[in-house]
Amino acid sequence: MYKNDWFIVPKVKPEAKIRLFCFPYAGGQAAIYFPLAKLLPDEIELVAVQLPGRGNRIFEPALTSASEIAQAVVPEILQFTDKPIALLGYSNGCLQTFEVANRLIPKCVVQHVFMAARSAPQLGMQREPIHLLSDQLFKQELASLGGTPKELLAYDELMELMLPTLRADFKLGYDYQCPPIKKLKVALTSMAGRHDKDIPIENVQAWQELFAADSKHHTVDGDHFFINTHINDMATIIGQALLNKCRNETMQELN
């Protein structure tokens, strides 16, 4: 796993009982999850997914649909199912997570799915197609959204290199069509920012309509990018959900 282009493990935990595969928001890369990896308990090994077109894969063409990403990454994940797995998506990453979960659940044990800061796809897309804007207007929109580092926005040469990937990410979110609803038989935890101006809390809670197992929702203080400001809260929510799962399974084995 630790030499796989798709995955970065910020903190290796050989004794972990579960692996948590994490998909980034639009324009994000695996590094957004490094702080979370340090906060999670030793029973949970975080695996940050590095998509083509960013980080150490910056020169690879970005994939433009959640389905394409899932089709490419699922065979890679299946190589590392010697332990139970869980999935986490943040914002745009929720769509990739949903597609991956649909493909993985018939093939391996998926213990839990976490969806954060993204409207459920059956509600449709309410954002304008900003990926079609001119470069100048597109960069202005990126700045207003707040997820792209100011240093990157100010670095013209690097932005020129990253623009195709950023456009591909927003195209992915705009074009996504929710498949016919077939509820996934896996536990869900959804998380929303209390002060998110773009994504209403109830839109995030609507992910529950797509899952047949136990569902819980948490509202976290912060705006759309509460992953940057309230990472401790996220770690607590994730840790409690997965550790309870691990403990319940251990008790069943003992009995």
C-alpha atoms as a PDB file:
ATOM      1  CA  MET A   1       0.000   0.000   0.000  1.00  0.00           C
ATOM      2  CA  TYR A   2       2.710   2.426   0.955  1.00  0.00           C
ATOM      3  CA  LYS A   3       4.108   2.455  -2.599  1.00  0.00           C
ATOM      4  CA  ASN A   4       0.755   2.807  -4.349  1.00  0.00           C
ATOM      5  CA  ASP A   5       0.296   6.035  -6.365  1.00  0.00           C
ATOM      6  CA  TRP A   6      -3.344   6.252  -5.302  1.00  0.00           C
ATOM      7  CA  PHE A   7      -2.774   6.167  -1.560  1.00  0.00           C
ATOM      8  CA  ILE A   8      -0.790   8.077   1.031  1.00  0.00           C
ATOM      9  CA  VAL A   9      -0.729   6.840   4.618  1.00  0.00           C
ATOM     10  CA  PRO A  10       0.399   9.818   6.747  1.00  0.00           C
ATOM     11  CA  LYS A  11       0.748   7.709   9.904  1.00  0.00           C
ATOM     12  CA  VAL A  12       1.330   3.982   9.512  1.00  0.00           C
ATOM     13  CA  LYS A  13      -0.473   1.936  12.187  1.00  0.00           C
ATOM     14  CA  PRO A  14       0.400  -1.769  11.854  1.00  0.00           C
ATOM     15  CA  GLU A  15      -1.965  -2.734  14.685  1.00  0.00           C
ATOM     16  CA  ALA A  16      -4.939  -0.840  13.276  1.00  0.00           C
ATOM     17  CA  LYS A  17      -8.245  -2.697  13.173  1.00  0.00           C
ATOM     18  CA  ILE A  18      -9.770  -0.681  10.323  1.00  0.00           C
ATOM     19  CA  ARG A  19      -8.599   1.398   7.341  1.00  0.00           C
ATOM     20  CA  LEU A  20     -10.320   4.675   6.527  1.00  0.00           C
ATOM     21  CA  PHE A  21     -10.034   5.694   2.852  1.00  0.00           C
ATOM     22  CA  CYS A  22     -10.562   9.448   2.440  1.00  0.00           C
ATOM     23  CA  PHE A  23     -11.509  11.369  -0.727  1.00  0.00           C
ATOM     24  CA  PRO A  24     -10.755  15.126  -0.971  1.00  0.00           C
ATOM     25  CA  TYR A  25     -12.892  18.126  -1.850  1.00  0.00           C
ATOM     26  CA  ALA A  26     -12.702  19.858  -5.253  1.00  0.00           C
ATOM     27  CA  GLY A  27      -9.190  21.178  -5.785  1.00  0.00           C
ATOM     28  CA  GLY A  28      -7.940  19.311  -2.729  1.00  0.00           C
ATOM     29  CA  GLN A  29      -5.287  16.644  -2.496  1.00  0.00           C
ATOM     30  CA  ALA A  30      -4.346  13.884  -0.083  1.00  0.00           C
ATOM     31  CA  ALA A  31      -2.537  16.325   2.205  1.00  0.00           C
ATOM     32  CA  ILE A  32      -5.790  17.836   3.481  1.00  0.00           C
ATOM     33  CA  TYR A  33      -6.227  14.678   5.566  1.00  0.00           C
ATOM     34  CA  PHE A  34      -2.759  14.599   7.157  1.00  0.00           C
ATOM     35  CA  PRO A  35      -3.860  16.506  10.312  1.00  0.00           C
ATOM     36  CA  LEU A  36      -6.823  14.160  10.756  1.00  0.00           C
ATOM     37  CA  ALA A  37      -4.561  11.097  10.512  1.00  0.00           C
ATOM     38  CA  LYS A  38      -2.558  12.327  13.518  1.00  0.00           C
ATOM     39  CA  LEU A  39      -5.672  12.807  15.637  1.00  0.00           C
ATOM     40  CA  LEU A  40      -7.375   9.469  15.062  1.00  0.00           C
ATOM     41  CA  PRO A  41      -6.791   6.621  17.556  1.00  0.00           C
ATOM     42  CA  ASP A  42      -4.297   3.872  16.778  1.00  0.00           C
ATOM     43  CA  GLU A  43      -7.094   1.460  15.867  1.00  0.00           C
ATOM     44  CA  ILE A  44      -7.834   3.573  12.748  1.00  0.00           C
ATOM     45  CA  GLU A  45      -5.307   3.874   9.926  1.00  0.00           C
ATOM     46  CA  LEU A  46      -6.179   6.771   7.615  1.00  0.00           C
ATOM     47  CA  VAL A  47      -5.477   6.263   3.908  1.00  0.00           C
ATOM     48  CA  ALA A  48      -5.627   9.534   1.967  1.00  0.00           C
ATOM     49  CA  VAL A  49      -6.596   9.069  -1.685  1.00  0.00           C
ATOM     50  CA  GLN A  50      -4.366  10.989  -4.100  1.00  0.00           C
ATOM     51  CA  LEU A  51      -6.306  11.623  -7.300  1.00  0.00           C
ATOM     52  CA  PRO A  52      -4.593  12.158 -10.681  1.00  0.00           C
ATOM     53  CA  GLY A  53      -3.669  15.755 -11.401  1.00  0.00           C
ATOM     54  CA  ARG A  54      -2.590  16.821  -7.909  1.00  0.00           C
ATOM     55  CA  GLY A  55       0.268  16.467  -5.461  1.00  0.00           C
ATOM     56  CA  ASN A  56       2.821  13.898  -6.604  1.00  0.00           C
ATOM     57  CA  ARG A  57       0.488  13.085  -9.548  1.00  0.00           C
ATOM     58  CA  ILE A  58       0.236  16.666 -10.793  1.00  0.00           C
ATOM     59  CA  PHE A  59       1.317  15.835 -14.341  1.00  0.00           C
ATOM     60  CA  GLU A  60      -1.362  13.153 -14.807  1.00  0.00           C
ATOM     61  CA  PRO A  61      -4.633  14.196 -16.478  1.00  0.00           C
ATOM     62  CA  ALA A  62      -7.491  14.618 -14.033  1.00  0.00           C
ATOM     63  CA  LEU A  63     -10.508  12.335 -14.250  1.00  0.00           C
ATOM     64  CA  THR A  64     -13.744  14.205 -14.881  1.00  0.00           C
ATOM     65  CA  SER A  65     -16.416  11.972 -13.357  1.00  0.00           C
ATOM     66  CA  ALA A  66     -16.987  10.256 -10.036  1.00  0.00           C
ATOM     67  CA  SER A  67     -17.738   7.059 -11.917  1.00  0.00           C
ATOM     68  CA  GLU A  68     -14.348   7.146 -13.675  1.00  0.00           C
ATOM     69  CA  ILE A  69     -12.567   7.694 -10.387  1.00  0.00           C
ATOM     70  CA  ALA A  70     -14.440   4.842  -8.703  1.00  0.00           C
ATOM     71  CA  GLN A  71     -13.770   2.487 -11.584  1.00  0.00           C
ATOM     72  CA  ALA A  72     -10.049   3.237 -11.358  1.00  0.00           C
ATOM     73  CA  VAL A  73      -9.592   3.234  -7.576  1.00  0.00           C
ATOM     74  CA  VAL A  74     -11.822   0.330  -6.484  1.00  0.00           C
ATOM     75  CA  PRO A  75      -9.431  -2.373  -7.808  1.00  0.00           C
ATOM     76  CA  GLU A  76      -6.643  -0.623  -5.880  1.00  0.00           C
ATOM     77  CA  ILE A  77      -8.648  -0.584  -2.642  1.00  0.00           C
ATOM     78  CA  LEU A  78      -9.542  -4.264  -3.059  1.00  0.00           C
ATOM     79  CA  GLN A  79      -5.857  -5.132  -2.757  1.00  0.00           C
ATOM     80  CA  PHE A  80      -5.926  -3.904   0.843  1.00  0.00           C
ATOM     81  CA  THR A  81      -9.022  -5.472   2.331  1.00  0.00           C
ATOM     82  CA  ASP A  82      -7.196  -7.759   4.736  1.00  0.00           C
ATOM     83  CA  LYS A  83      -8.757  -5.428   7.307  1.00  0.00           C
ATOM     84  CA  PRO A  84     -12.266  -3.980   7.318  1.00  0.00           C
ATOM     85  CA  ILE A  85     -12.502  -0.599   5.628  1.00  0.00           C
ATOM     86  CA  ALA A  86     -14.473   2.620   5.962  1.00  0.00           C
ATOM     87  CA  LEU A  87     -14.895   5.509   3.531  1.00  0.00           C
ATOM     88  CA  LEU A  88     -14.911   9.283   4.025  1.00  0.00           C
ATOM     89  CA  GLY A  89     -15.804  11.938   1.474  1.00  0.00           C
ATOM     90  CA  TYR A  90     -15.534  15.679   1.964  1.00  0.00           C
ATOM     91  CA  SER A  91     -17.637  17.982  -0.242  1.00  0.00           C
ATOM     92  CA  ASN A  92     -17.005  16.881  -3.846  1.00  0.00           C
ATOM     93  CA  GLY A  93     -15.302  13.791  -2.450  1.00  0.00           C
ATOM     94  CA  CYS A  94     -18.694  12.549  -1.231  1.00  0.00           C
ATOM     95  CA  LEU A  95     -19.716  11.795  -4.809  1.00  0.00           C
ATOM     96  CA  GLN A  96     -16.587   9.708  -5.346  1.00  0.00           C
ATOM     97  CA  THR A  97     -17.157   7.988  -2.016  1.00  0.00           C
ATOM     98  CA  PHE A  98     -20.740   7.141  -2.959  1.00  0.00           C
ATOM     99  CA  GLU A  99     -19.677   5.630  -6.283  1.00  0.00           C
ATOM    100  CA  VAL A 100     -16.862   3.697  -4.616  1.00  0.00           C
ATOM    101  CA  ALA A 101     -19.209   2.386  -1.900  1.00  0.00           C
ATOM    102  CA  ASN A 102     -21.666   1.155  -4.524  1.00  0.00           C
ATOM    103  CA  ARG A 103     -18.908  -0.887  -6.157  1.00  0.00           C
ATOM    104  CA  LEU A 104     -17.150  -2.093  -3.009  1.00  0.00           C
ATOM    105  CA  ILE A 105     -20.030  -3.276  -0.833  1.00  0.00           C
ATOM    106  CA  PRO A 106     -20.777  -6.396  -2.923  1.00  0.00           C
ATOM    107  CA  LYS A 107     -17.076  -7.329  -2.880  1.00  0.00           C
ATOM    108  CA  CYS A 108     -15.723  -6.648   0.604  1.00  0.00           C
ATOM    109  CA  VAL A 109     -16.608  -5.545   4.121  1.00  0.00           C
ATOM    110  CA  VAL A 110     -17.321  -1.807   4.303  1.00  0.00           C
ATOM    111  CA  GLN A 111     -17.922  -0.931   7.938  1.00  0.00           C
ATOM    112  CA  HIS A 112     -18.981   2.697   7.697  1.00  0.00           C
ATOM    113  CA  VAL A 113     -19.361   5.653   5.326  1.00  0.00           C
ATOM    114  CA  PHE A 114     -18.821   9.298   6.308  1.00  0.00           C
ATOM    115  CA  MET A 115     -20.225  12.131   4.176  1.00  0.00           C
ATOM    116  CA  ALA A 116     -19.207  15.699   5.014  1.00  0.00           C
ATOM    117  CA  ALA A 117     -20.140  19.138   3.670  1.00  0.00           C
ATOM    118  CA  ARG A 118     -21.974  18.012   0.530  1.00  0.00           C
ATOM    119  CA  SER A 119     -25.637  17.994  -0.456  1.00  0.00           C
ATOM    120  CA  ALA A 120     -27.017  14.553  -1.199  1.00  0.00           C
ATOM    121  CA  PRO A 121     -27.030  14.014  -4.976  1.00  0.00           C
ATOM    122  CA  GLN A 122     -30.730  13.175  -5.318  1.00  0.00           C
ATOM    123  CA  LEU A 123     -31.421  16.855  -4.503  1.00  0.00           C
ATOM    124  CA  GLY A 124     -29.799  17.951  -7.779  1.00  0.00           C
ATOM    125  CA  MET A 125     -27.113  20.571  -8.396  1.00  0.00           C
ATOM    126  CA  GLN A 126     -27.825  24.116  -7.233  1.00  0.00           C
ATOM    127  CA  ARG A 127     -24.431  25.668  -8.016  1.00  0.00           C
ATOM    128  CA  GLU A 128     -23.689  27.443 -11.287  1.00  0.00           C
ATOM    129  CA  PRO A 129     -21.225  25.696 -13.691  1.00  0.00           C
ATOM    130  CA  ILE A 130     -18.210  27.780 -12.686  1.00  0.00           C
ATOM    131  CA  HIS A 131     -15.864  25.416 -14.548  1.00  0.00           C
ATOM    132  CA  LEU A 132     -17.088  27.067 -17.780  1.00  0.00           C
ATOM    133  CA  LEU A 133     -15.994  30.573 -16.743  1.00  0.00           C
ATOM    134  CA  SER A 134     -12.965  32.375 -18.131  1.00  0.00           C
ATOM    135  CA  ASP A 135      -9.707  31.831 -16.239  1.00  0.00           C
ATOM    136  CA  GLN A 136      -9.946  35.187 -14.482  1.00  0.00           C
ATOM    137  CA  LEU A 137     -13.551  34.716 -13.358  1.00  0.00           C
ATOM    138  CA  PHE A 138     -12.920  31.094 -12.429  1.00  0.00           C
ATOM    139  CA  LYS A 139     -10.035  32.125 -10.167  1.00  0.00           C
ATOM    140  CA  GLN A 140     -12.240  34.775  -8.581  1.00  0.00           C
ATOM    141  CA  GLU A 141     -14.848  32.138  -7.808  1.00  0.00           C
ATOM    142  CA  LEU A 142     -12.192  29.854  -6.332  1.00  0.00           C
ATOM    143  CA  ALA A 143     -11.027  32.678  -4.082  1.00  0.00           C
ATOM    144  CA  SER A 144     -14.577  33.379  -2.882  1.00  0.00           C
ATOM    145  CA  LEU A 145     -15.227  29.707  -2.107  1.00  0.00           C
ATOM    146  CA  GLY A 146     -12.214  29.612   0.180  1.00  0.00           C
ATOM    147  CA  GLY A 147     -10.904  26.103  -0.418  1.00  0.00           C
ATOM    148  CA  THR A 148      -7.939  27.022  -2.622  1.00  0.00           C
ATOM    149  CA  PRO A 149      -4.862  28.302  -0.750  1.00  0.00           C
ATOM    150  CA  LYS A 150      -4.180  32.002  -1.332  1.00  0.00           C
ATOM    151  CA  GLU A 151      -0.555  31.133  -2.085  1.00  0.00           C
ATOM    152  CA  LEU A 152      -1.674  28.941  -4.983  1.00  0.00           C
ATOM    153  CA  LEU A 153      -4.057  31.577  -6.359  1.00  0.00           C
ATOM    154  CA  ALA A 154      -1.239  34.128  -6.352  1.00  0.00           C
ATOM    155  CA  TYR A 155       1.252  31.804  -8.084  1.00  0.00           C
ATOM    156  CA  ASP A 156       0.384  32.308 -11.757  1.00  0.00           C
ATOM    157  CA  GLU A 157       2.584  29.550 -13.198  1.00  0.00           C
ATOM    158  CA  LEU A 158       1.340  26.915 -10.778  1.00  0.00           C
ATOM    159  CA  MET A 159      -2.270  28.037 -11.221  1.00  0.00           C
ATOM    160  CA  GLU A 160      -1.890  27.658 -14.978  1.00  0.00           C
ATOM    161  CA  LEU A 161      -0.756  24.082 -14.375  1.00  0.00           C
ATOM    162  CA  MET A 162      -3.583  23.373 -11.915  1.00  0.00           C
ATOM    163  CA  LEU A 163      -6.488  25.006 -13.748  1.00  0.00           C
ATOM    164  CA  PRO A 164      -7.393  21.925 -15.852  1.00  0.00           C
ATOM    165  CA  THR A 165      -7.564  19.797 -12.709  1.00  0.00           C
ATOM    166  CA  LEU A 166      -9.622  22.386 -10.834  1.00  0.00           C
ATOM    167  CA  ARG A 167     -12.026  22.688 -13.747  1.00  0.00           C
ATOM    168  CA  ALA A 168     -12.307  18.892 -13.936  1.00  0.00           C
ATOM    169  CA  ASP A 169     -13.205  18.757 -10.223  1.00  0.00           C
ATOM    170  CA  PHE A 170     -15.992  21.306 -10.524  1.00  0.00           C
ATOM    171  CA  LYS A 171     -17.239  19.693 -13.735  1.00  0.00           C
ATOM    172  CA  LEU A 172     -17.445  16.407 -11.838  1.00  0.00           C
ATOM    173  CA  GLY A 173     -19.666  17.971  -9.185  1.00  0.00           C
ATOM    174  CA  TYR A 174     -21.855  19.840 -11.663  1.00  0.00           C
ATOM    175  CA  ASP A 175     -22.400  16.936 -14.069  1.00  0.00           C
ATOM    176  CA  TYR A 176     -23.034  14.219 -11.487  1.00  0.00           C
ATOM    177  CA  GLN A 177     -26.354  12.426 -11.815  1.00  0.00           C
ATOM    178  CA  CYS A 178     -27.565  10.390  -8.864  1.00  0.00           C
ATOM    179  CA  PRO A 179     -28.136   6.782  -9.952  1.00  0.00           C
ATOM    180  CA  PRO A 180     -31.516   5.148  -9.315  1.00  0.00           C
ATOM    181  CA  ILE A 181     -31.809   4.970  -5.566  1.00  0.00           C
ATOM    182  CA  LYS A 182     -30.824   1.573  -4.228  1.00  0.00           C
ATOM    183  CA  LYS A 183     -30.092   2.062  -0.571  1.00  0.00           C
ATOM    184  CA  LEU A 184     -26.632   0.992   0.530  1.00  0.00           C
ATOM    185  CA  LYS A 185     -26.562  -1.492   3.377  1.00  0.00           C
ATOM    186  CA  VAL A 186     -23.866   0.219   5.408  1.00  0.00           C
ATOM    187  CA  ALA A 187     -23.884   2.589   8.376  1.00  0.00           C
ATOM    188  CA  LEU A 188     -23.684   6.306   7.585  1.00  0.00           C
ATOM    189  CA  THR A 189     -22.488   9.358   9.473  1.00  0.00           C
ATOM    190  CA  SER A 190     -23.079  12.746   7.872  1.00  0.00           C
ATOM    191  CA  MET A 191     -21.435  16.003   8.973  1.00  0.00           C
ATOM    192  CA  ALA A 192     -22.386  19.588   8.111  1.00  0.00           C
ATOM    193  CA  GLY A 193     -20.957  22.993   8.977  1.00  0.00           C
ATOM    194  CA  ARG A 194     -23.278  25.059  11.141  1.00  0.00           C
ATOM    195  CA  HIS A 195     -22.235  28.246   9.322  1.00  0.00           C
ATOM    196  CA  ASP A 196     -21.911  26.820   5.807  1.00  0.00           C
ATOM    197  CA  LYS A 197     -23.490  29.469   3.557  1.00  0.00           C
ATOM    198  CA  ASP A 198     -23.630  27.181   0.510  1.00  0.00           C
ATOM    199  CA  ILE A 199     -24.815  23.821   1.847  1.00  0.00           C
ATOM    200  CA  PRO A 200     -27.863  23.757   4.158  1.00  0.00           C
ATOM    201  CA  ILE A 201     -27.649  21.282   7.011  1.00  0.00           C
ATOM    202  CA  GLU A 202     -30.770  19.457   5.857  1.00  0.00           C
ATOM    203  CA  ASN A 203     -29.180  18.891   2.436  1.00  0.00           C
ATOM    204  CA  VAL A 204     -26.337  17.011   4.092  1.00  0.00           C
ATOM    205  CA  GLN A 205     -28.752  15.059   6.292  1.00  0.00           C
ATOM    206  CA  ALA A 206     -30.522  13.933   3.101  1.00  0.00           C
ATOM    207  CA  TRP A 207     -27.694  11.436   2.499  1.00  0.00           C
ATOM    208  CA  GLN A 208     -29.638   9.261   4.935  1.00  0.00           C
ATOM    209  CA  GLU A 209     -32.180   8.616   2.171  1.00  0.00           C
ATOM    210  CA  LEU A 210     -29.497   6.665   0.285  1.00  0.00           C
ATOM    211  CA  PHE A 211     -28.465   4.356   3.129  1.00  0.00           C
ATOM    212  CA  ALA A 212     -30.413   1.444   4.602  1.00  0.00           C
ATOM    213  CA  ALA A 213     -28.384   0.855   7.790  1.00  0.00           C
ATOM    214  CA  ASP A 214     -27.997   3.037  10.888  1.00  0.00           C
ATOM    215  CA  SER A 215     -27.570   6.739  10.136  1.00  0.00           C
ATOM    216  CA  LYS A 216     -26.388   9.559  12.362  1.00  0.00           C
ATOM    217  CA  HIS A 217     -25.855  13.240  11.690  1.00  0.00           C
ATOM    218  CA  HIS A 218     -23.543  15.780  13.354  1.00  0.00           C
ATOM    219  CA  THR A 219     -23.527  19.542  12.903  1.00  0.00           C
ATOM    220  CA  VAL A 220     -20.045  20.969  13.418  1.00  0.00           C
ATOM    221  CA  ASP A 221     -19.257  24.587  14.197  1.00  0.00           C
ATOM    222  CA  GLY A 222     -17.547  26.274  11.271  1.00  0.00           C
ATOM    223  CA  ASP A 223     -18.275  27.051   7.642  1.00  0.00           C
ATOM    224  CA  HIS A 224     -18.012  24.841   4.558  1.00  0.00           C
ATOM    225  CA  PHE A 225     -14.360  24.079   5.296  1.00  0.00           C
ATOM    226  CA  PHE A 226     -14.753  23.051   8.913  1.00  0.00           C
ATOM    227  CA  ILE A 227     -12.157  20.384   8.143  1.00  0.00           C
ATOM    228  CA  ASN A 228      -9.600  23.211   8.403  1.00  0.00           C
ATOM    229  CA  THR A 229     -10.948  24.812  11.576  1.00  0.00           C
ATOM    230  CA  HIS A 230     -12.669  22.064  13.570  1.00  0.00           C
ATOM    231  CA  ILE A 231     -10.600  19.005  12.735  1.00  0.00           C
ATOM    232  CA  ASN A 232     -10.657  17.848  16.367  1.00  0.00           C
ATOM    233  CA  ASP A 233     -14.442  17.611  16.248  1.00  0.00           C
ATOM    234  CA  MET A 234     -14.252  15.549  13.069  1.00  0.00           C
ATOM    235  CA  ALA A 235     -11.687  13.221  14.624  1.00  0.00           C
ATOM    236  CA  THR A 236     -13.907  12.681  17.663  1.00  0.00           C
ATOM    237  CA  ILE A 237     -16.985  11.905  15.534  1.00  0.00           C
ATOM    238  CA  ILE A 238     -15.085   9.488  13.296  1.00  0.00           C
ATOM    239  CA  GLY A 239     -13.209   7.851  16.146  1.00  0.00           C
ATOM    240  CA  GLN A 240     -16.336   7.212  18.207  1.00  0.00           C
ATOM    241  CA  ALA A 241     -18.237   5.737  15.251  1.00  0.00           C
ATOM    242  CA  LEU A 242     -15.476   3.367  14.204  1.00  0.00           C
ATOM    243  CA  LEU A 243     -14.287   2.379  17.663  1.00  0.00           C
ATOM    244  CA  ASN A 244     -17.832   1.468  18.674  1.00  0.00           C
ATOM    245  CA  LYS A 245     -17.994  -0.732  15.598  1.00  0.00           C
ATOM    246  CA  CYS A 246     -14.679  -2.407  16.441  1.00  0.00           C
ATOM    247  CA  ARG A 247     -15.672  -3.003  20.060  1.00  0.00           C
ATOM    248  CA  ASN A 248     -19.029  -4.489  19.108  1.00  0.00           C
ATOM    249  CA  GLU A 249     -17.348  -6.916  16.722  1.00  0.00           C
ATOM    250  CA  THR A 250     -14.796  -7.900  19.364  1.00  0.00           C
ATOM    251  CA  MET A 251     -17.589  -8.655  21.825  1.00  0.00           C
ATOM    252  CA  GLN A 252     -19.379 -10.778  19.224  1.00  0.00           C
ATOM    253  CA  GLU A 253     -16.175 -12.758  18.601  1.00  0.00           C
ATOM    254  CA  LEU A 254     -15.710 -13.342  22.330  1.00  0.00           C
ATOM    255  CA  ASN A 255     -19.272 -14.579  22.654  1.00  0.00           C
END
